[in-house]
């Protein structure tokens, strides 16, 4: 019962609380309605007032806008009137400036010309019959002519040919990164020239309207002036090197004496270097690299110099001439210098052909050096001359093809020269040493290999520029080396038959084959090429060397013949102390014959030559091994026999002294 009462009280309290909240909400709604009513009244009042204001302001605004428009029209009319009045005064205002010229301020002068141009446009459109129009035309044409003269004078006064020391530095520089900069004109001058060129070219497409000599195409003016400086730079370099451009006859004498001094094997010991190898490569390679021996050094240097000069002109042109006109300017700029350079190349070509007609084949080595050099520069020439009409780049490709053709003939003629080298007795070395043809040929072959890529292309076919595979190039070169060596071998065999002494002929072949063998075995590339084309070329030469060594040693045959032991059976029954008279005479004859032969061989062969120290030592050793043991045994058996009362007359050699005597062979020419 108590719980019910408690629950009832709770419900009553909750009901009262809800009633209070409801009463508060009703009061809030009433206040909100009141506020809304007040706000609606305010807004209605504001709308009425705003409408009244709009009705008042709109007419004023429209009036103000019309007045503003009228003011602007008046201002514009005044501005245009000022311009029209100004156009009538332009001629008077600019007269002094036009007559004085730019005076170093090109931008201001161009602004003056622009004023004249605007005035011209105005009078052409509005008053073509005006007297002012004629004055404006005259001043404008005069201004353009003055601006062009200023351009020409600025170019002439600022342009100089490249100094010779810098040209020499360019020619000698191997790394383009180390090249000294070519600054043809100061930066301020370039800026003025650029502004002038752009403005003049913009007038009538670059053709100036005016008179007299100034009526030239500004592009042509630039091309002619820069072409002249480029040509002067080339000519400066040429004149500085003109002393090295020898005539064919001078070249012939110079190369002949150079080869004679450093290569010709007379006397032989002058050619023996450490290790016994005939030293020809070092001396002749120095000689062949001397610029100007055949003009190739000059053309090589000139090719480099010309390229760097063209690149410098391209850089300058891009700073001065607008891009749409650069190809035309570069074509005109380089046309004459390229012709000048090609004439120099043609002179060299004629010189080389004439020199080769004198069988001056070392010229071909210089030409290969030139071809390789030019080929290396062709990509840079292509970049520098890119996009030009008439393909001036192809002219430089033609240099390579032209000289490849010359060298193709030279290589074929060289083989024929080896085959046809005369077999004159006077042409043979009297000491049997290495023939000059052998030394010259091996020098030539060794230096050809320095340019193996170019040589392989030429041998494969003169028209195969740039299209020969490495395998074909290598095969062609190996085949050519084989032809050269075979021709040389046949020639030496033929020359050897001209010797009266057969053993000297064998020694001659021994020296020459050994020289050839030593040359290609110290040059791995040459040996590989010969083996690919020839087979086991080294073993073939070793066999030939051994054969000719054995043939040479036949000179001891007669001396060895005196060393037989048949005398021992003829000794008396009482032993060596009781030799018969006939036995004594036989022993005397053997000693005398042997002594005479050895002495004669020593006398003769001291003047024979083996220039290679290793070969000389080998031949002496084998001579001792051939004769020494036989004589030692003979001497042991018969030296104790009492066959003579004057033993010193017959016992001239002991085994030891005989060996010493044999070691003196080839001393005179060693």
Foldseek 3Di string as FASTA:
>chain_A
DVVVVVVVVVVVVVVVVVVVVVVVVVVVVVVVVVVVVVVVVVVVVVVVVVVVVCVVCVVVVVVVVVVVVVVVVVVVVVVVVVLVVVLLCLLVVCVVVLVVACPLPLVVLVVSLVSLVVSLVVCVVPPVPDPSNVSSVVSNLSSLLRLLVVLLVLLVVQAAADDPVLLVQLLPDPDPVPRDDDDGGDPSSLVSLQVSQVSCCVPPNQQRPYDDPSRDRSLLSVLVSLLVSLLVNLVVLCVVCVVLADALVVLVVVVVVQCVVQPAPVLPQSQQDVQQARDDQVSVVVVLCPDRSLNLNSLLSSLSSSLVSLVNVLVSCPSRHDPVCSQVSSCSNCVVVLVVSVVSLVVSLVRLLVNVVVVPLVVLLSLLVSLVSLVVCLVSLCVSNPPHPPPSSVSSVVSNLSSLQVSLVSLVVVLVCLLPPDLDPVQDDPQLAARSNLRVLLSVLVSCVVNLQSQLQSQLDSPCPPPDDPVSSLLSSLVSLVSNVVSNLVSLLVNLVPDPDVLSSLSNSLNSLVNVLVSQVVPVSNCVSPCVHPNNVNVVSVVSNVVSLVSNLCLCVQLLVLLDDPLLVQQDPVPLAGGDLVSLVSNQVSLVRNVVSLVVQLVVQLSHARSRPVVLVVSLVVSLVVVLVSVQVSCVVPVPRPSDPCSCVRPVDHSVVSSVSSNSGRNNSD
